[in-house]
Amino acid sequence: SSVRGTATSGHVQANRSHVRPSQQRWKTTQNLKHSSKFGVEIKYGKNTNTRDSGSYSRHREQRVDTISEEDRVRQLKRDMETRLLVLRDQLEESGEGEILINERIEKERIIRLDSIEKEIERKK
């Protein structure tokens, strides 16, 4: 192909600011200390990828995020509210009255909150 008629010289430049993805990223000790403050465990293990020379690769770190009980409860309540919104949409599409919809949603909310509280008690 030719550059004739394209109003360019045809010179191609490399994008030197592009950061290539890396299979193994090493964190500094400062980052490790910072992440351990926020409930992130660091596990070390042998890398099973043996493309190098057939021997073990360097140790690599694996992050395991620990979810607190408080966050788990918050997520359960968020999921419950999402389901209630879907139910509200279904009731509105079926032509139910606003008062009837609000009563039904409140009943469902009470039932589901009770089930969440029972689940929390079982876990303790």
Protein backbone atom coordinates (compact mmCIF):
# COMPACT_ATOMS: atom_id res chain seq x y z
CA SER A 1 0.00 0.00 0.00
CA SER A 2 1.09 3.52 -0.70
CA VAL A 3 0.78 6.77 1.23
CA ARG A 4 -0.02 8.69 -1.94
CA GLY A 5 -3.13 10.80 -1.64
CA THR A 6 -3.50 10.39 2.14
CA ALA A 7 -1.75 13.65 3.09
CA THR A 8 0.53 11.77 5.50
CA SER A 9 4.19 10.90 5.29
CA GLY A 10 3.56 7.28 6.19
CA HIS A 11 5.83 7.47 9.26
CA VAL A 12 4.51 5.24 12.07
CA GLN A 13 5.29 6.08 15.69
CA ALA A 14 5.10 3.69 18.62
CA ASN A 15 2.95 4.62 21.60
CA ARG A 16 5.62 4.81 24.31
CA SER A 17 3.10 5.64 27.07
CA HIS A 18 1.23 2.34 26.72
CA VAL A 19 1.54 0.10 29.78
CA ARG A 20 1.61 -3.54 28.78
CA PRO A 21 -0.29 -5.97 31.00
CA SER A 22 1.92 -8.13 33.15
CA GLN A 23 1.17 -11.67 34.29
CA GLN A 24 2.98 -11.13 37.55
CA ARG A 25 2.81 -7.78 39.28
CA TRP A 26 4.94 -7.32 42.36
CA LYS A 27 3.73 -5.08 45.14
CA THR A 28 6.10 -3.05 47.22
CA THR A 29 6.27 -3.66 50.94
CA GLN A 30 4.49 -0.37 51.49
CA ASN A 31 1.55 -1.55 49.39
CA LEU A 32 1.49 -4.84 51.28
CA LYS A 33 1.33 -3.01 54.60
CA HIS A 34 -1.40 -0.72 53.25
CA SER A 35 -3.54 -3.58 51.94
CA SER A 36 -3.23 -5.57 55.19
CA LYS A 37 -4.79 -2.64 57.06
CA PHE A 38 -7.97 -2.98 55.01
CA GLY A 39 -8.68 -6.68 55.51
CA VAL A 40 -6.80 -8.14 52.56
CA GLU A 41 -4.83 -11.32 53.20
CA ILE A 42 -1.74 -12.08 51.15
CA LYS A 43 -1.04 -15.75 50.41
CA TYR A 44 2.21 -16.95 48.92
CA GLY A 45 2.55 -20.10 46.88
CA LYS A 46 4.48 -21.71 44.07
CA ASN A 47 3.50 -20.55 40.62
CA THR A 48 2.55 -23.61 38.60
CA ASN A 49 3.31 -21.85 35.33
CA THR A 50 6.53 -23.56 34.15
CA ARG A 51 7.08 -21.93 30.77
CA ASP A 52 10.47 -20.54 31.86
CA SER A 53 13.03 -23.32 32.21
CA GLY A 54 10.96 -26.19 33.57
CA SER A 55 11.75 -25.25 37.17
CA TYR A 56 9.50 -23.47 39.62
CA SER A 57 8.78 -19.87 38.83
CA ARG A 58 9.13 -17.19 41.45
CA HIS A 59 6.68 -17.06 44.31
CA ARG A 60 3.68 -14.99 43.51
CA GLU A 61 1.16 -13.40 45.76
CA GLN A 62 -2.53 -14.04 45.69
CA ARG A 63 -4.99 -11.63 47.21
CA VAL A 64 -7.91 -13.07 49.10
CA ASP A 65 -10.44 -10.40 49.98
CA THR A 66 -12.15 -11.00 53.27
CA ILE A 67 -15.73 -9.78 53.46
CA SER A 68 -16.82 -8.52 56.83
CA GLU A 69 -20.12 -9.60 58.34
CA GLU A 70 -21.37 -6.02 58.17
CA ASP A 71 -20.68 -5.84 54.42
CA ARG A 72 -22.39 -9.19 53.86
CA VAL A 73 -25.54 -7.98 55.67
CA ARG A 74 -25.47 -4.75 53.67
CA GLN A 75 -25.25 -6.76 50.43
CA LEU A 76 -28.19 -8.98 51.48
CA LYS A 77 -30.31 -5.90 52.16
CA ARG A 78 -29.27 -4.35 48.85
CA ASP A 79 -30.30 -7.52 47.02
CA MET A 80 -33.61 -7.52 48.89
CA GLU A 81 -34.36 -3.93 47.84
CA THR A 82 -33.50 -4.80 44.23
CA ARG A 83 -35.99 -7.68 44.30
CA LEU A 84 -38.62 -5.38 45.81
CA LEU A 85 -38.11 -2.88 42.99
CA VAL A 86 -38.59 -5.65 40.44
CA LEU A 87 -41.78 -6.72 42.24
CA ARG A 88 -43.02 -3.10 42.24
CA ASP A 89 -42.42 -2.87 38.47
CA GLN A 90 -44.32 -6.11 37.89
CA LEU A 91 -47.26 -4.92 40.00
CA GLU A 92 -47.35 -1.55 38.23
CA GLU A 93 -47.32 -3.25 34.82
CA SER A 94 -50.21 -5.49 35.88
CA GLY A 95 -52.28 -2.38 36.64
CA GLU A 96 -52.50 -2.59 40.45
CA GLY A 97 -53.36 0.54 42.42
CA GLU A 98 -50.64 2.58 44.14
CA ILE A 99 -51.99 1.96 47.66
CA LEU A 100 -52.21 -1.80 47.08
CA ILE A 101 -48.69 -1.86 45.64
CA ASN A 102 -47.25 0.01 48.64
CA GLU A 103 -48.98 -2.35 51.09
CA ARG A 104 -47.70 -5.43 49.25
CA ILE A 105 -44.15 -4.06 49.09
CA GLU A 106 -44.15 -3.28 52.84
CA LYS A 107 -45.39 -6.80 53.67
CA GLU A 108 -42.68 -8.34 51.47
CA ARG A 109 -40.03 -6.07 53.02
CA ILE A 110 -41.01 -7.17 56.55
CA ILE A 111 -40.97 -10.86 55.57
CA ARG A 112 -37.59 -10.61 53.85
CA LEU A 113 -36.00 -8.57 56.65
CA ASP A 114 -37.12 -11.23 59.13
CA SER A 115 -35.54 -13.94 56.99
CA ILE A 116 -32.28 -11.95 56.77
CA GLU A 117 -32.23 -11.51 60.56
CA LYS A 118 -32.84 -15.24 61.06
CA GLU A 119 -29.99 -16.04 58.68
CA ILE A 120 -27.68 -13.71 60.60
CA GLU A 121 -28.63 -15.38 63.90
CA ARG A 122 -27.94 -18.84 62.41
CA LYS A 123 -24.45 -17.74 61.32
CA LYS A 124 -23.56 -16.52 64.83
